[in-house]
Each structure stands twice: as structure tokens, then as C-alpha cells.
Amino acid sequence: MGENGPVSTIFPTSKRSKRGYDPAEVDEFLDRARAAYAQDAEADADTLLSAGDIRQVAFRLVRGGYSTEHVDAALERLEDAFSLRERERSVEERGAKEWLRDARGTAQVILNRLTRPEGQRFNRVSFLARGYSRKDVDALADRLVAYFHDGTPLSVDRVRTAVFRNEWAGYRESQVDALLDSVVDVMLAVR
């Protein structure tokens, strides 16, 4: 972490012919994140950011904006820092046993969903709509089951950056995305 907070706001910009993240939006968000990170535990919860908030942030794409690759990498580091702080606070407030019990409970809910039969792990969209490829999602689901059940190595970045093809009558994207957010939360919690 830098002296001003978890990340630096100095990013390379994309070429004028390419799109990158809007620098003003990125800088504003990182200023807000720095301020939230610097606040103490007694700060108003409404002004704090969470690791989940960082994972969900989106920026407009503009010509000559900040390099998306560099900003995304910084956001991942920022999410890690916030997640670690959240875990430390939770353990301090509730105790390690209670925190671990909750993490295991969430992992079990995830496993229950992921161990459903292939093609049936998530709700599907209408046959007239496109959703995530069942084959792609099921392949990641199998890797996640191996991670949670057998301890097979899998990086949190692989889950964060998962990309799925679209198909007619595929899995409902919002449902898959919500589960993957929970997976990331658990993976960060037990690091």
C-alpha cells in the first residue's frame, strides 16, 4: 500500500484511438476508497465501502482513458485490502470461531448449488433470450467444487475474471454473477 492509501491513482492511459476508463470517475472513486480505508472502525457505516462495493464498481469507457488492465489490477488489490480489513474486524467483533462458522456455512450453500446436475445448476432464461453458456458455467462450477471439496488450487483472480459465452436459453446471468460474488467473498475470507 502506498503512503496515501491502498493504491496509487497514476495509471497509463490508452491510445486516443482506444477506449479506457474515464479518468475523472476512476480518480473520484479511488479518492472515496482512500477516505473510506482511512476511517476508523467507529465510522458511519453508510460512508464506508466494502470489498463487494469495489468488486461491483463500473466506469464509463472513453477514448484515451485509463488503461482498463491497470485499473482492474489496482481494484483487485484494493478489494483484497478491504476484504482483509473486513475479516479482521469481524473476527475482532465476533470471534474467530463465529467468523469461521459463517464462512463455512456460506461455502456449504455455494457447494449445494454447484453440485446440482450439469445444465441445472442455475435458472435458465427464456428460449428467446440469451444467457451464460451452460457448458462454460458448468466447467467453472466443476473447478469450484474441486476447490471447496478437495482443496484443488484455484485463484480468486480466475473467479473474478471468469468470462462466459452467451447462448440462447442459457443460465440467468444475474444468478451466476451473484453466486460468483459469494465465491469471491469466501475465497478472500479464508486466505
C-alpha atoms as a PDB file:
ATOM      1  CA  MET A   1       0.000   0.000   0.000  1.00  0.00           C
ATOM      2  CA  GLY A   2       1.173   3.452  -0.769  1.00  0.00           C
ATOM      3  CA  GLU A   3       1.603   6.239   1.744  1.00  0.00           C
ATOM      4  CA  ASN A   4      -1.724   7.773   0.683  1.00  0.00           C
ATOM      5  CA  GLY A   5      -3.725   4.536   0.867  1.00  0.00           C
ATOM      6  CA  PRO A   6      -4.172   1.162  -0.720  1.00  0.00           C
ATOM      7  CA  VAL A   7      -3.479   2.139  -4.365  1.00  0.00           C
ATOM      8  CA  SER A   8      -1.974   4.865  -6.498  1.00  0.00           C
ATOM      9  CA  THR A   9      -4.109   6.859  -8.931  1.00  0.00           C
ATOM     10  CA  ILE A  10      -1.367   7.095 -11.523  1.00  0.00           C
ATOM     11  CA  PHE A  11      -2.348   4.847 -14.429  1.00  0.00           C
ATOM     12  CA  PRO A  12      -1.175   4.723 -18.002  1.00  0.00           C
ATOM     13  CA  THR A  13      -3.723   5.965 -20.496  1.00  0.00           C
ATOM     14  CA  SER A  14      -4.911   4.147 -23.567  1.00  0.00           C
ATOM     15  CA  LYS A  15      -4.136   5.463 -27.020  1.00  0.00           C
ATOM     16  CA  ARG A  16      -6.518   8.162 -28.250  1.00  0.00           C
ATOM     17  CA  SER A  17      -7.972   5.643 -30.716  1.00  0.00           C
ATOM     18  CA  LYS A  18      -8.808   3.164 -27.930  1.00  0.00           C
ATOM     19  CA  ARG A  19     -11.166   3.335 -25.016  1.00  0.00           C
ATOM     20  CA  GLY A  20     -10.191   3.261 -21.383  1.00  0.00           C
ATOM     21  CA  TYR A  21     -11.864   4.043 -18.076  1.00  0.00           C
ATOM     22  CA  ASP A  22     -12.969   7.633 -17.541  1.00  0.00           C
ATOM     23  CA  PRO A  23     -10.089   9.168 -15.514  1.00  0.00           C
ATOM     24  CA  ALA A  24     -12.361  11.517 -13.553  1.00  0.00           C
ATOM     25  CA  GLU A  25     -14.619   8.643 -12.465  1.00  0.00           C
ATOM     26  CA  VAL A  26     -11.669   6.431 -11.522  1.00  0.00           C
ATOM     27  CA  ASP A  27      -9.940   9.211  -9.581  1.00  0.00           C
ATOM     28  CA  GLU A  28     -13.171  10.118  -7.766  1.00  0.00           C
ATOM     29  CA  PHE A  29     -13.804   6.504  -6.781  1.00  0.00           C
ATOM     30  CA  LEU A  30     -10.229   5.965  -5.611  1.00  0.00           C
ATOM     31  CA  ASP A  31     -10.373   9.176  -3.550  1.00  0.00           C
ATOM     32  CA  ARG A  32     -13.554   7.864  -1.948  1.00  0.00           C
ATOM     33  CA  ALA A  33     -11.934   4.465  -1.358  1.00  0.00           C
ATOM     34  CA  ARG A  34      -8.864   6.083   0.212  1.00  0.00           C
ATOM     35  CA  ALA A  35     -11.052   8.096   2.568  1.00  0.00           C
ATOM     36  CA  ALA A  36     -13.110   5.027   3.491  1.00  0.00           C
ATOM     37  CA  TYR A  37      -9.984   2.960   4.097  1.00  0.00           C
ATOM     38  CA  ALA A  38      -8.535   5.629   6.356  1.00  0.00           C
ATOM     39  CA  GLN A  39     -11.654   5.837   8.544  1.00  0.00           C
ATOM     40  CA  ASP A  40     -11.582   4.025  11.825  1.00  0.00           C
ATOM     41  CA  ALA A  41     -13.908   1.200  12.909  1.00  0.00           C
ATOM     42  CA  GLU A  42     -16.364   3.604  14.563  1.00  0.00           C
ATOM     43  CA  ALA A  43     -17.047   5.472  11.318  1.00  0.00           C
ATOM     44  CA  ASP A  44     -20.575   5.753   9.979  1.00  0.00           C
ATOM     45  CA  ALA A  45     -21.296   2.528   8.076  1.00  0.00           C
ATOM     46  CA  ASP A  46     -23.027   4.495   5.294  1.00  0.00           C
ATOM     47  CA  THR A  47     -19.772   6.200   4.353  1.00  0.00           C
ATOM     48  CA  LEU A  48     -17.675   3.037   4.285  1.00  0.00           C
ATOM     49  CA  LEU A  49     -17.024   0.959   1.215  1.00  0.00           C
ATOM     50  CA  SER A  50     -16.930  -2.805   1.279  1.00  0.00           C
ATOM     51  CA  ALA A  51     -14.922  -5.278  -0.758  1.00  0.00           C
ATOM     52  CA  GLY A  52     -18.184  -6.082  -2.538  1.00  0.00           C
ATOM     53  CA  ASP A  53     -18.691  -2.430  -3.446  1.00  0.00           C
ATOM     54  CA  ILE A  54     -15.262  -2.365  -5.022  1.00  0.00           C
ATOM     55  CA  ARG A  55     -15.975  -5.554  -6.971  1.00  0.00           C
ATOM     56  CA  GLN A  56     -19.178  -4.017  -8.375  1.00  0.00           C
ATOM     57  CA  VAL A  57     -17.819  -0.618  -9.413  1.00  0.00           C
ATOM     58  CA  ALA A  58     -18.047   0.247 -13.098  1.00  0.00           C
ATOM     59  CA  PHE A  59     -16.641   3.163 -15.064  1.00  0.00           C
ATOM     60  CA  ARG A  60     -17.579   4.706 -18.387  1.00  0.00           C
ATOM     61  CA  LEU A  61     -15.276   3.937 -21.300  1.00  0.00           C
ATOM     62  CA  VAL A  62     -13.822   6.987 -23.032  1.00  0.00           C
ATOM     63  CA  ARG A  63     -11.194   7.490 -25.707  1.00  0.00           C
ATOM     64  CA  GLY A  64      -7.763   7.956 -24.172  1.00  0.00           C
ATOM     65  CA  GLY A  65      -8.966   6.899 -20.718  1.00  0.00           C
ATOM     66  CA  TYR A  66      -7.024   4.978 -18.095  1.00  0.00           C
ATOM     67  CA  SER A  67      -5.777   1.537 -19.093  1.00  0.00           C
ATOM     68  CA  THR A  68      -8.521  -0.910 -18.094  1.00  0.00           C
ATOM     69  CA  GLU A  69      -5.964  -3.612 -17.358  1.00  0.00           C
ATOM     70  CA  HIS A  70      -4.049  -1.427 -14.905  1.00  0.00           C
ATOM     71  CA  VAL A  71      -7.151  -0.050 -13.185  1.00  0.00           C
ATOM     72  CA  ASP A  72      -8.675  -3.531 -12.864  1.00  0.00           C
ATOM     73  CA  ALA A  73      -5.470  -4.843 -11.285  1.00  0.00           C
ATOM     74  CA  ALA A  74      -5.461  -1.947  -8.813  1.00  0.00           C
ATOM     75  CA  LEU A  75      -9.116  -2.567  -7.977  1.00  0.00           C
ATOM     76  CA  GLU A  76      -8.346  -6.225  -7.271  1.00  0.00           C
ATOM     77  CA  ARG A  77      -5.597  -5.207  -4.851  1.00  0.00           C
ATOM     78  CA  LEU A  78      -7.941  -2.676  -3.268  1.00  0.00           C
ATOM     79  CA  GLU A  79     -10.660  -5.317  -2.892  1.00  0.00           C
ATOM     80  CA  ASP A  80      -8.125  -7.635  -1.240  1.00  0.00           C
ATOM     81  CA  ALA A  81      -7.129  -4.915   1.230  1.00  0.00           C
ATOM     82  CA  PHE A  82     -10.740  -4.116   2.118  1.00  0.00           C
ATOM     83  CA  SER A  83     -11.599  -7.800   2.440  1.00  0.00           C
ATOM     84  CA  LEU A  84      -8.701  -8.389   4.819  1.00  0.00           C
ATOM     85  CA  ARG A  85      -9.787  -5.410   6.923  1.00  0.00           C
ATOM     86  CA  GLU A  86     -13.388  -6.648   6.969  1.00  0.00           C
ATOM     87  CA  ARG A  87     -12.243 -10.103   8.076  1.00  0.00           C
ATOM     88  CA  GLU A  88     -10.059  -8.671  10.837  1.00  0.00           C
ATOM     89  CA  ARG A  89     -12.929  -6.505  12.119  1.00  0.00           C
ATOM     90  CA  SER A  90     -15.377  -9.382  12.004  1.00  0.00           C
ATOM     91  CA  VAL A  91     -13.020 -11.696  13.891  1.00  0.00           C
ATOM     92  CA  GLU A  92     -12.404  -8.959  16.458  1.00  0.00           C
ATOM     93  CA  GLU A  93     -16.138  -8.278  16.943  1.00  0.00           C
ATOM     94  CA  ARG A  94     -17.495 -11.817  16.804  1.00  0.00           C
ATOM     95  CA  GLY A  95     -14.552 -14.068  17.446  1.00  0.00           C
ATOM     96  CA  ALA A  96     -12.649 -16.392  15.153  1.00  0.00           C
ATOM     97  CA  LYS A  97     -14.917 -19.396  15.742  1.00  0.00           C
ATOM     98  CA  GLU A  98     -18.098 -17.494  14.827  1.00  0.00           C
ATOM     99  CA  TRP A  99     -16.455 -15.947  11.769  1.00  0.00           C
ATOM    100  CA  LEU A 100     -15.174 -19.334  10.579  1.00  0.00           C
ATOM    101  CA  ARG A 101     -18.597 -20.926  11.155  1.00  0.00           C
ATOM    102  CA  ASP A 102     -20.218 -18.273   8.950  1.00  0.00           C
ATOM    103  CA  ALA A 103     -17.600 -18.727   6.208  1.00  0.00           C
ATOM    104  CA  ARG A 104     -18.126 -22.495   6.265  1.00  0.00           C
ATOM    105  CA  GLY A 105     -21.903 -22.016   6.134  1.00  0.00           C
ATOM    106  CA  THR A 106     -21.619 -19.782   3.075  1.00  0.00           C
ATOM    107  CA  ALA A 107     -19.229 -22.248   1.425  1.00  0.00           C
ATOM    108  CA  GLN A 108     -21.733 -25.059   2.037  1.00  0.00           C
ATOM    109  CA  VAL A 109     -24.566 -23.059   0.438  1.00  0.00           C
ATOM    110  CA  ILE A 110     -22.311 -22.467  -2.578  1.00  0.00           C
ATOM    111  CA  LEU A 111     -21.398 -26.159  -2.779  1.00  0.00           C
ATOM    112  CA  ASN A 112     -25.048 -27.174  -2.586  1.00  0.00           C
ATOM    113  CA  ARG A 113     -25.758 -25.056  -5.671  1.00  0.00           C
ATOM    114  CA  LEU A 114     -22.669 -26.136  -7.589  1.00  0.00           C
ATOM    115  CA  THR A 115     -23.170 -29.860  -7.052  1.00  0.00           C
ATOM    116  CA  ARG A 116     -26.529 -29.855  -8.836  1.00  0.00           C
ATOM    117  CA  PRO A 117     -26.589 -31.783 -12.126  1.00  0.00           C
ATOM    118  CA  GLU A 118     -24.913 -30.155 -15.123  1.00  0.00           C
ATOM    119  CA  GLY A 119     -27.248 -27.884 -17.036  1.00  0.00           C
ATOM    120  CA  GLN A 120     -29.437 -27.460 -13.936  1.00  0.00           C
ATOM    121  CA  ARG A 121     -27.199 -25.504 -11.580  1.00  0.00           C
ATOM    122  CA  PHE A 122     -28.904 -22.164 -12.233  1.00  0.00           C
ATOM    123  CA  ASN A 123     -32.198 -20.912 -13.586  1.00  0.00           C
ATOM    124  CA  ARG A 124     -32.310 -20.513 -17.339  1.00  0.00           C
ATOM    125  CA  VAL A 125     -33.569 -17.554 -19.306  1.00  0.00           C
ATOM    126  CA  SER A 126     -36.381 -17.882 -21.854  1.00  0.00           C
ATOM    127  CA  PHE A 127     -35.626 -19.724 -25.093  1.00  0.00           C
ATOM    128  CA  LEU A 128     -36.000 -16.302 -26.751  1.00  0.00           C
ATOM    129  CA  ALA A 129     -33.238 -14.748 -24.632  1.00  0.00           C
ATOM    130  CA  ARG A 130     -29.514 -15.200 -24.321  1.00  0.00           C
ATOM    131  CA  GLY A 131     -27.803 -16.141 -21.094  1.00  0.00           C
ATOM    132  CA  TYR A 132     -24.465 -17.548 -19.990  1.00  0.00           C
ATOM    133  CA  SER A 133     -23.326 -20.716 -21.716  1.00  0.00           C
ATOM    134  CA  ARG A 134     -24.314 -23.646 -19.502  1.00  0.00           C
ATOM    135  CA  LYS A 135     -21.228 -25.565 -20.632  1.00  0.00           C
ATOM    136  CA  ASP A 136     -18.862 -22.700 -19.711  1.00  0.00           C
ATOM    137  CA  VAL A 137     -20.505 -22.069 -16.330  1.00  0.00           C
ATOM    138  CA  ASP A 138     -20.666 -25.773 -15.509  1.00  0.00           C
ATOM    139  CA  ALA A 139     -16.947 -26.139 -16.296  1.00  0.00           C
ATOM    140  CA  LEU A 140     -16.105 -23.395 -13.786  1.00  0.00           C
ATOM    141  CA  ALA A 141     -18.600 -24.886 -11.325  1.00  0.00           C
ATOM    142  CA  ASP A 142     -16.729 -28.218 -11.513  1.00  0.00           C
ATOM    143  CA  ARG A 143     -13.461 -26.440 -10.747  1.00  0.00           C
ATOM    144  CA  LEU A 144     -15.102 -24.644  -7.815  1.00  0.00           C
ATOM    145  CA  VAL A 145     -16.457 -27.907  -6.412  1.00  0.00           C
ATOM    146  CA  ALA A 146     -12.945 -29.354  -6.569  1.00  0.00           C
ATOM    147  CA  TYR A 147     -11.629 -26.227  -4.819  1.00  0.00           C
ATOM    148  CA  PHE A 148     -14.176 -26.306  -1.994  1.00  0.00           C
ATOM    149  CA  HIS A 149     -14.478 -30.067  -1.622  1.00  0.00           C
ATOM    150  CA  ASP A 150     -10.958 -31.341  -2.353  1.00  0.00           C
ATOM    151  CA  GLY A 151      -8.788 -28.269  -1.843  1.00  0.00           C
ATOM    152  CA  THR A 152      -7.737 -28.214  -5.503  1.00  0.00           C
ATOM    153  CA  PRO A 153      -5.865 -24.938  -6.112  1.00  0.00           C
ATOM    154  CA  LEU A 154      -7.848 -22.177  -7.793  1.00  0.00           C
ATOM    155  CA  SER A 155      -7.016 -18.493  -7.731  1.00  0.00           C
ATOM    156  CA  VAL A 156      -9.528 -15.867  -6.751  1.00  0.00           C
ATOM    157  CA  ASP A 157      -8.472 -13.975  -9.891  1.00  0.00           C
ATOM    158  CA  ARG A 158      -9.688 -16.879 -12.039  1.00  0.00           C
ATOM    159  CA  VAL A 159     -13.135 -16.497 -10.480  1.00  0.00           C
ATOM    160  CA  ARG A 160     -13.084 -12.691 -10.624  1.00  0.00           C
ATOM    161  CA  THR A 161     -12.208 -12.677 -14.299  1.00  0.00           C
ATOM    162  CA  ALA A 162     -14.447 -15.536 -15.427  1.00  0.00           C
ATOM    163  CA  VAL A 163     -15.980 -14.876 -18.828  1.00  0.00           C
ATOM    164  CA  PHE A 164     -18.724 -16.979 -20.353  1.00  0.00           C
ATOM    165  CA  ARG A 165     -20.006 -17.183 -23.891  1.00  0.00           C
ATOM    166  CA  ASN A 166     -23.680 -16.375 -24.463  1.00  0.00           C
ATOM    167  CA  GLU A 167     -26.246 -18.863 -25.720  1.00  0.00           C
ATOM    168  CA  TRP A 168     -29.990 -18.992 -26.263  1.00  0.00           C
ATOM    169  CA  ALA A 169     -31.815 -20.249 -23.137  1.00  0.00           C
ATOM    170  CA  GLY A 170     -28.574 -20.122 -21.152  1.00  0.00           C
ATOM    171  CA  TYR A 171     -28.155 -19.647 -17.444  1.00  0.00           C
ATOM    172  CA  ARG A 172     -29.567 -16.448 -15.925  1.00  0.00           C
ATOM    173  CA  GLU A 173     -26.565 -14.097 -15.748  1.00  0.00           C
ATOM    174  CA  SER A 174     -27.596 -12.259 -12.569  1.00  0.00           C
ATOM    175  CA  GLN A 175     -27.900 -15.535 -10.659  1.00  0.00           C
ATOM    176  CA  VAL A 176     -24.498 -16.809 -11.796  1.00  0.00           C
ATOM    177  CA  ASP A 177     -22.874 -13.439 -11.052  1.00  0.00           C
ATOM    178  CA  ALA A 178     -24.365 -13.333  -7.538  1.00  0.00           C
ATOM    179  CA  LEU A 179     -23.028 -16.798  -6.751  1.00  0.00           C
ATOM    180  CA  LEU A 180     -19.577 -15.933  -8.101  1.00  0.00           C
ATOM    181  CA  ASP A 181     -19.549 -12.816  -5.893  1.00  0.00           C
ATOM    182  CA  SER A 182     -20.217 -15.089  -2.909  1.00  0.00           C
ATOM    183  CA  VAL A 183     -17.431 -17.415  -4.029  1.00  0.00           C
ATOM    184  CA  VAL A 184     -15.000 -14.494  -4.180  1.00  0.00           C
ATOM    185  CA  ASP A 185     -16.096 -13.365  -0.719  1.00  0.00           C
ATOM    186  CA  VAL A 186     -15.426 -16.815   0.723  1.00  0.00           C
ATOM    187  CA  MET A 187     -12.098 -17.204  -1.088  1.00  0.00           C
ATOM    188  CA  LEU A 188     -10.936 -13.811   0.193  1.00  0.00           C
ATOM    189  CA  ALA A 189     -12.207 -14.570   3.685  1.00  0.00           C
ATOM    190  CA  VAL A 190     -10.167 -17.732   4.064  1.00  0.00           C
ATOM    191  CA  ARG A 191      -6.926 -16.518   2.502  1.00  0.00           C
END
